[in-house]
Amino acid sequence: MTSTAPETPSARHARVAGRFGEVVAGVADWSSPAPVEGWTAADVVGHLVEWLPGLLAADGVVLDVEWTGDPAQDWSRHAAAVQALLDSPRAAEPFTHQHLGTQPLGQAVDRFYTTDVLLHTWDLARASGQDAGLDEAECAELLAGMQPMDEFLRSSGQYGPKVPVPDDAPAVDRLMGFLGRDPAGNPG
């Protein structure tokens, strides 16, 4: 019998970070341009390793992993530290951030960070000539959840202008187009 229970933040992180780690292992040239303007493959990993500790520190949560410039090693240490946090009792405790409100820490990490890892898996895969291996249903669900927040997301400065993608394109392509990536274009 298959369970229909939603995936826990810990389980989702293990799956998404695991896939990102597989893509990390397949990168041959860390200086390859990524689909995010001005970024290289190494910058994609650096972004993920660097921003979460600052977010968590806003509520006194310490994630003691630093970016050293070795993308594969840094990702491995970082993913393990995040997984340990999500597997700990702390994940169920309230987390408060001035822009995100208060919610369980695990939920905040899942919603904002793990989703970012999933999205950047596509970027790193494109930069390194790999298949991102993203799930169509998960991408369709993310797109449906983000579309109503279009104006807010654009005004954040974190997303570029939408790239037109046919309505019948795969959900992964429609999601990336929504985020400002060109699924048909070259990286960089």
Protein backbone atom coordinates (compact mmCIF):
# COMPACT_ATOMS: atom_id res chain seq x y z
CA MET A 1 0.00 0.00 0.00
CA THR A 2 1.33 3.43 -0.94
CA SER A 3 1.18 6.21 1.62
CA THR A 4 -0.34 9.52 0.60
CA ALA A 5 1.13 11.36 3.58
CA PRO A 6 3.07 14.46 2.62
CA GLU A 7 6.83 14.21 2.60
CA THR A 8 8.45 15.50 5.79
CA PRO A 9 10.93 18.40 5.54
CA SER A 10 13.71 15.97 6.50
CA ALA A 11 12.77 13.42 3.85
CA ARG A 12 12.30 16.06 1.16
CA HIS A 13 15.67 17.62 1.94
CA ALA A 14 17.37 14.22 1.83
CA ARG A 15 15.86 13.57 -1.60
CA VAL A 16 16.40 17.04 -3.12
CA ALA A 17 19.87 17.59 -1.63
CA GLY A 18 20.80 14.06 -2.64
CA ARG A 19 19.91 14.78 -6.26
CA PHE A 20 21.80 18.09 -6.12
CA GLY A 21 24.79 16.17 -4.73
CA GLU A 22 24.63 13.78 -7.69
CA VAL A 23 24.76 16.76 -10.05
CA VAL A 24 27.64 18.26 -8.03
CA ALA A 25 29.55 14.99 -8.47
CA GLY A 26 29.09 15.24 -12.25
CA VAL A 27 30.52 18.75 -12.65
CA ALA A 28 33.78 18.70 -14.60
CA ASP A 29 34.33 22.47 -14.91
CA TRP A 30 33.32 24.67 -11.99
CA SER A 31 33.96 27.81 -14.04
CA SER A 32 31.25 26.94 -16.60
CA PRO A 33 28.61 29.66 -16.93
CA ALA A 34 25.30 29.00 -15.19
CA PRO A 35 21.85 30.17 -16.32
CA VAL A 36 21.85 32.84 -13.58
CA GLU A 37 23.41 35.94 -15.09
CA GLY A 38 27.03 36.35 -13.99
CA TRP A 39 27.17 33.04 -12.14
CA THR A 40 29.36 30.01 -12.72
CA ALA A 41 28.67 26.44 -11.66
CA ALA A 42 30.69 27.10 -8.48
CA ASP A 43 28.58 30.19 -7.74
CA VAL A 44 25.41 28.07 -7.73
CA VAL A 45 26.82 25.88 -4.96
CA GLY A 46 28.30 28.88 -3.15
CA HIS A 47 24.92 30.60 -3.10
CA LEU A 48 23.23 27.62 -1.47
CA VAL A 49 25.99 27.17 1.11
CA GLU A 50 26.18 30.87 2.01
CA TRP A 51 22.63 32.18 2.31
CA LEU A 52 20.96 29.66 4.64
CA PRO A 53 23.22 30.28 7.68
CA GLY A 54 22.33 33.98 7.55
CA LEU A 55 18.61 33.26 7.36
CA LEU A 56 18.79 30.85 10.30
CA ALA A 57 20.96 33.19 12.39
CA ALA A 58 18.09 35.70 12.42
CA ASP A 59 16.48 33.46 15.06
CA GLY A 60 19.67 32.26 16.74
CA VAL A 61 19.99 28.97 14.85
CA VAL A 62 23.64 28.23 14.09
CA LEU A 63 24.56 26.29 10.97
CA ASP A 64 28.33 26.17 11.27
CA VAL A 65 29.41 25.57 7.68
CA GLU A 66 31.40 28.04 5.63
CA TRP A 67 32.04 28.43 1.93
CA THR A 68 35.71 27.62 1.34
CA GLY A 69 35.58 27.63 -2.45
CA ASP A 70 35.72 23.85 -2.88
CA PRO A 71 32.19 23.28 -4.24
CA ALA A 72 32.03 19.51 -3.87
CA GLN A 73 33.46 19.43 -0.34
CA ASP A 74 31.49 22.49 0.77
CA TRP A 75 28.24 21.04 -0.56
CA SER A 76 28.83 17.73 1.18
CA ARG A 77 29.49 19.37 4.55
CA HIS A 78 26.62 21.83 4.14
CA ALA A 79 24.04 19.23 3.06
CA ALA A 80 25.02 17.01 6.01
CA ALA A 81 24.67 19.91 8.46
CA VAL A 82 21.22 20.87 7.12
CA GLN A 83 20.11 17.23 7.21
CA ALA A 84 21.28 16.88 10.82
CA LEU A 85 19.31 20.02 11.73
CA LEU A 86 16.16 18.70 10.03
CA ASP A 87 16.57 15.30 11.72
CA SER A 88 16.91 16.93 15.15
CA PRO A 89 14.14 17.93 17.58
CA ARG A 90 14.99 21.58 16.77
CA ALA A 91 13.18 21.15 13.40
CA ALA A 92 9.81 21.11 15.18
CA GLU A 93 10.53 24.25 17.23
CA PRO A 94 9.24 27.67 16.21
CA PHE A 95 11.42 29.73 13.90
CA THR A 96 10.78 33.46 13.58
CA HIS A 97 12.03 35.72 10.83
CA GLN A 98 10.99 39.31 10.20
CA HIS A 99 9.99 38.58 6.60
CA LEU A 100 8.73 35.02 6.99
CA GLY A 101 6.77 35.16 10.23
CA THR A 102 6.80 32.27 12.68
CA GLN A 103 6.59 28.64 11.63
CA PRO A 104 8.29 25.36 12.57
CA LEU A 105 11.98 25.52 11.65
CA GLY A 106 11.74 22.42 9.46
CA GLN A 107 8.86 23.92 7.51
CA ALA A 108 10.76 27.18 6.96
CA VAL A 109 13.85 25.33 5.74
CA ASP A 110 11.71 23.17 3.46
CA ARG A 111 9.68 26.01 2.01
CA PHE A 112 12.49 28.45 1.35
CA TYR A 113 15.78 26.57 1.27
CA THR A 114 15.00 23.06 0.02
CA THR A 115 12.86 24.53 -2.74
CA ASP A 116 15.81 26.76 -3.67
CA VAL A 117 18.06 23.70 -3.84
CA LEU A 118 15.57 22.04 -6.18
CA LEU A 119 15.44 25.10 -8.46
CA HIS A 120 19.21 25.49 -8.50
CA THR A 121 19.63 21.81 -9.37
CA TRP A 122 18.40 22.81 -12.82
CA ASP A 123 20.92 25.67 -12.96
CA LEU A 124 23.85 23.47 -11.99
CA ALA A 125 22.77 20.70 -14.34
CA ARG A 126 22.54 23.19 -17.23
CA ALA A 127 25.94 24.68 -16.39
CA SER A 128 27.51 21.23 -16.43
CA GLY A 129 25.63 19.60 -19.30
CA GLN A 130 23.70 17.17 -17.11
CA ASP A 131 20.06 16.19 -16.75
CA ALA A 132 18.56 17.89 -13.69
CA GLY A 133 16.25 14.93 -13.12
CA LEU A 134 13.50 17.10 -11.65
CA ASP A 135 10.07 15.61 -11.04
CA GLU A 136 7.40 17.00 -13.37
CA ALA A 137 4.62 16.80 -10.77
CA GLU A 138 6.71 18.58 -8.13
CA CYS A 139 7.65 21.32 -10.61
CA ALA A 140 4.00 21.75 -11.65
CA GLU A 141 3.02 22.07 -7.98
CA LEU A 142 5.76 24.65 -7.33
CA LEU A 143 4.74 26.65 -10.39
CA ALA A 144 1.08 26.63 -9.34
CA GLY A 145 2.08 27.87 -5.89
CA MET A 146 4.38 30.60 -7.20
CA GLN A 147 2.20 32.03 -9.97
CA PRO A 148 -0.21 33.83 -7.62
CA MET A 149 2.81 35.55 -6.05
CA ASP A 150 4.22 36.71 -9.38
CA GLU A 151 4.31 40.44 -8.59
CA PHE A 152 5.78 39.88 -5.12
CA LEU A 153 8.45 37.51 -6.43
CA ARG A 154 9.48 39.89 -9.23
CA SER A 155 9.63 42.85 -6.86
CA SER A 156 12.02 40.91 -4.59
CA GLY A 157 14.74 41.24 -7.21
CA GLN A 158 15.47 37.51 -6.91
CA TYR A 159 13.82 36.59 -10.21
CA GLY A 160 14.29 37.94 -13.69
CA PRO A 161 11.59 38.70 -16.21
CA LYS A 162 9.55 35.68 -17.23
CA VAL A 163 10.76 33.86 -20.33
CA PRO A 164 7.88 32.87 -22.64
CA VAL A 165 7.43 29.09 -22.70
CA PRO A 166 4.63 27.28 -24.54
CA ASP A 167 1.66 26.33 -22.34
CA ASP A 168 2.09 22.69 -23.33
CA ALA A 169 5.82 22.60 -22.45
CA PRO A 170 6.94 20.27 -19.67
CA ALA A 171 6.32 21.63 -16.16
CA VAL A 172 10.08 21.90 -15.55
CA ASP A 173 10.43 24.22 -18.56
CA ARG A 174 7.38 26.29 -17.58
CA LEU A 175 8.72 26.66 -14.03
CA MET A 176 12.15 27.73 -15.24
CA GLY A 177 10.61 30.19 -17.70
CA PHE A 178 8.51 31.63 -14.88
CA LEU A 179 11.69 32.10 -12.83
CA GLY A 180 13.41 33.91 -15.69
CA ARG A 181 15.48 31.06 -17.11
CA ASP A 182 15.36 30.15 -20.77
CA PRO A 183 14.88 26.38 -21.01
CA ALA A 184 15.71 26.47 -24.73
CA GLY A 185 18.70 28.78 -24.46
CA ASN A 186 22.33 28.33 -23.62
CA PRO A 187 23.56 28.64 -20.03
CA GLY A 188 24.97 31.93 -18.89
